[in-house]
Amino acid sequence: MHFMLKVLPDFLRRHILRKAYHAEMRDWKKHLERYDQVMTECVDPMHWPDGEGMDMEALRERMQEEHLLAYTKHLERMETFMNWD
C-alpha cells in the first residue's frame, strides 16, 4: 500500500490517509468502549451471573492481553499514518 500511495497525486493520497486514519480512530474508540464495559463487569459483582462456570479473573487477564495487543496494533497503524511521506 505504501508504494501505491507514493505514485498518487498529493491531494488523493492525503484524502485516502485521512479516511483510513478516521476509520482507525473509530475502531480504536469501539475497542476502548468494549474493553471498559467488560472490565467494569469483571470488577462489579452485580454483573456476575451466579458465578457458576465463570472465572472472572481469567476473563480480566484475557481482556488485558487483548487490549495490549490491540494497543500495539493501533500504535503501529498510527506510526504508518505519521510516516506516510
Protein backbone atom coordinates (compact mmCIF):
# COMPACT_ATOMS: atom_id res chain seq x y z
CA MET A 1 0.00 0.00 0.00
CA HIS A 2 2.87 2.35 0.74
CA PHE A 3 4.19 2.12 -2.82
CA MET A 4 0.73 2.74 -4.26
CA LEU A 5 0.33 5.84 -2.12
CA LYS A 6 3.60 7.31 -3.36
CA VAL A 7 2.51 7.27 -7.02
CA LEU A 8 -0.81 9.05 -6.34
CA PRO A 9 -1.24 12.81 -6.51
CA ASP A 10 -0.81 14.54 -3.11
CA PHE A 11 -4.45 15.55 -2.68
CA LEU A 12 -5.66 11.98 -3.34
CA ARG A 13 -3.01 10.46 -1.08
CA ARG A 14 -3.98 12.82 1.76
CA HIS A 15 -7.67 12.02 1.26
CA ILE A 16 -7.07 8.25 1.44
CA LEU A 17 -4.87 8.56 4.51
CA ARG A 18 -7.35 10.85 6.24
CA LYS A 19 -10.18 8.34 5.64
CA ALA A 20 -8.02 5.46 6.89
CA TYR A 21 -6.94 7.48 9.95
CA HIS A 22 -10.54 8.31 10.91
CA ALA A 23 -11.59 4.68 10.42
CA GLU A 24 -8.72 3.58 12.68
CA MET A 25 -9.75 6.07 15.36
CA ARG A 26 -13.39 4.88 15.21
CA ASP A 27 -12.26 1.25 15.57
CA TRP A 28 -10.00 2.17 18.48
CA LYS A 29 -12.84 4.03 20.22
CA LYS A 30 -15.14 0.98 19.82
CA HIS A 31 -12.40 -1.25 21.25
CA LEU A 32 -11.97 1.04 24.26
CA GLU A 33 -15.72 1.11 24.91
CA ARG A 34 -15.91 -2.70 24.77
CA TYR A 35 -12.82 -3.06 26.97
CA ASP A 36 -14.23 -0.62 29.52
CA GLN A 37 -17.59 -2.42 29.60
CA VAL A 38 -16.06 -5.87 30.11
CA MET A 39 -13.60 -4.66 32.73
CA THR A 40 -16.43 -2.93 34.62
CA GLU A 41 -18.40 -6.17 34.59
CA CYS A 42 -15.34 -8.08 35.84
CA VAL A 43 -14.98 -5.75 38.82
CA ASP A 44 -18.67 -5.27 39.68
CA PRO A 45 -20.19 -8.40 41.32
CA MET A 46 -23.68 -7.19 40.26
CA HIS A 47 -22.83 -8.34 36.70
CA TRP A 48 -21.81 -11.86 37.68
CA PRO A 49 -24.41 -14.49 36.74
CA ASP A 50 -24.25 -16.57 39.96
CA GLY A 51 -20.52 -17.02 39.35
CA GLU A 52 -21.02 -20.58 38.10
CA GLY A 53 -18.60 -21.58 35.37
CA MET A 54 -17.36 -18.02 35.09
CA ASP A 55 -13.76 -17.29 36.02
CA MET A 56 -13.80 -13.50 36.24
CA GLU A 57 -10.08 -13.26 36.97
CA ALA A 58 -9.23 -15.28 33.83
CA LEU A 59 -11.61 -13.10 31.81
CA ARG A 60 -9.97 -9.95 33.16
CA GLU A 61 -6.48 -11.26 32.29
CA ARG A 62 -7.60 -12.24 28.78
CA MET A 63 -9.13 -8.82 28.20
CA GLN A 64 -5.96 -7.09 29.38
CA GLU A 65 -3.87 -9.20 26.98
CA GLU A 66 -6.34 -8.49 24.17
CA HIS A 67 -6.18 -4.78 24.99
CA LEU A 68 -2.38 -4.72 24.89
CA LEU A 69 -2.36 -6.48 21.50
CA ALA A 70 -4.96 -4.07 20.13
CA TYR A 71 -3.00 -1.10 21.51
CA THR A 72 0.21 -2.33 19.88
CA LYS A 73 -1.54 -2.73 16.51
CA HIS A 74 -3.12 0.71 16.93
CA LEU A 75 0.28 2.30 17.57
CA GLU A 76 1.77 0.56 14.52
CA ARG A 77 -1.05 1.87 12.31
CA MET A 78 -0.72 5.37 13.74
CA GLU A 79 3.02 5.30 13.05
CA THR A 80 2.22 4.43 9.43
CA PHE A 81 -0.06 7.46 9.18
CA MET A 82 2.60 9.72 10.67
CA ASN A 83 5.33 8.49 8.29
CA TRP A 84 3.39 8.44 5.04
CA ASP A 85 5.88 10.53 3.05
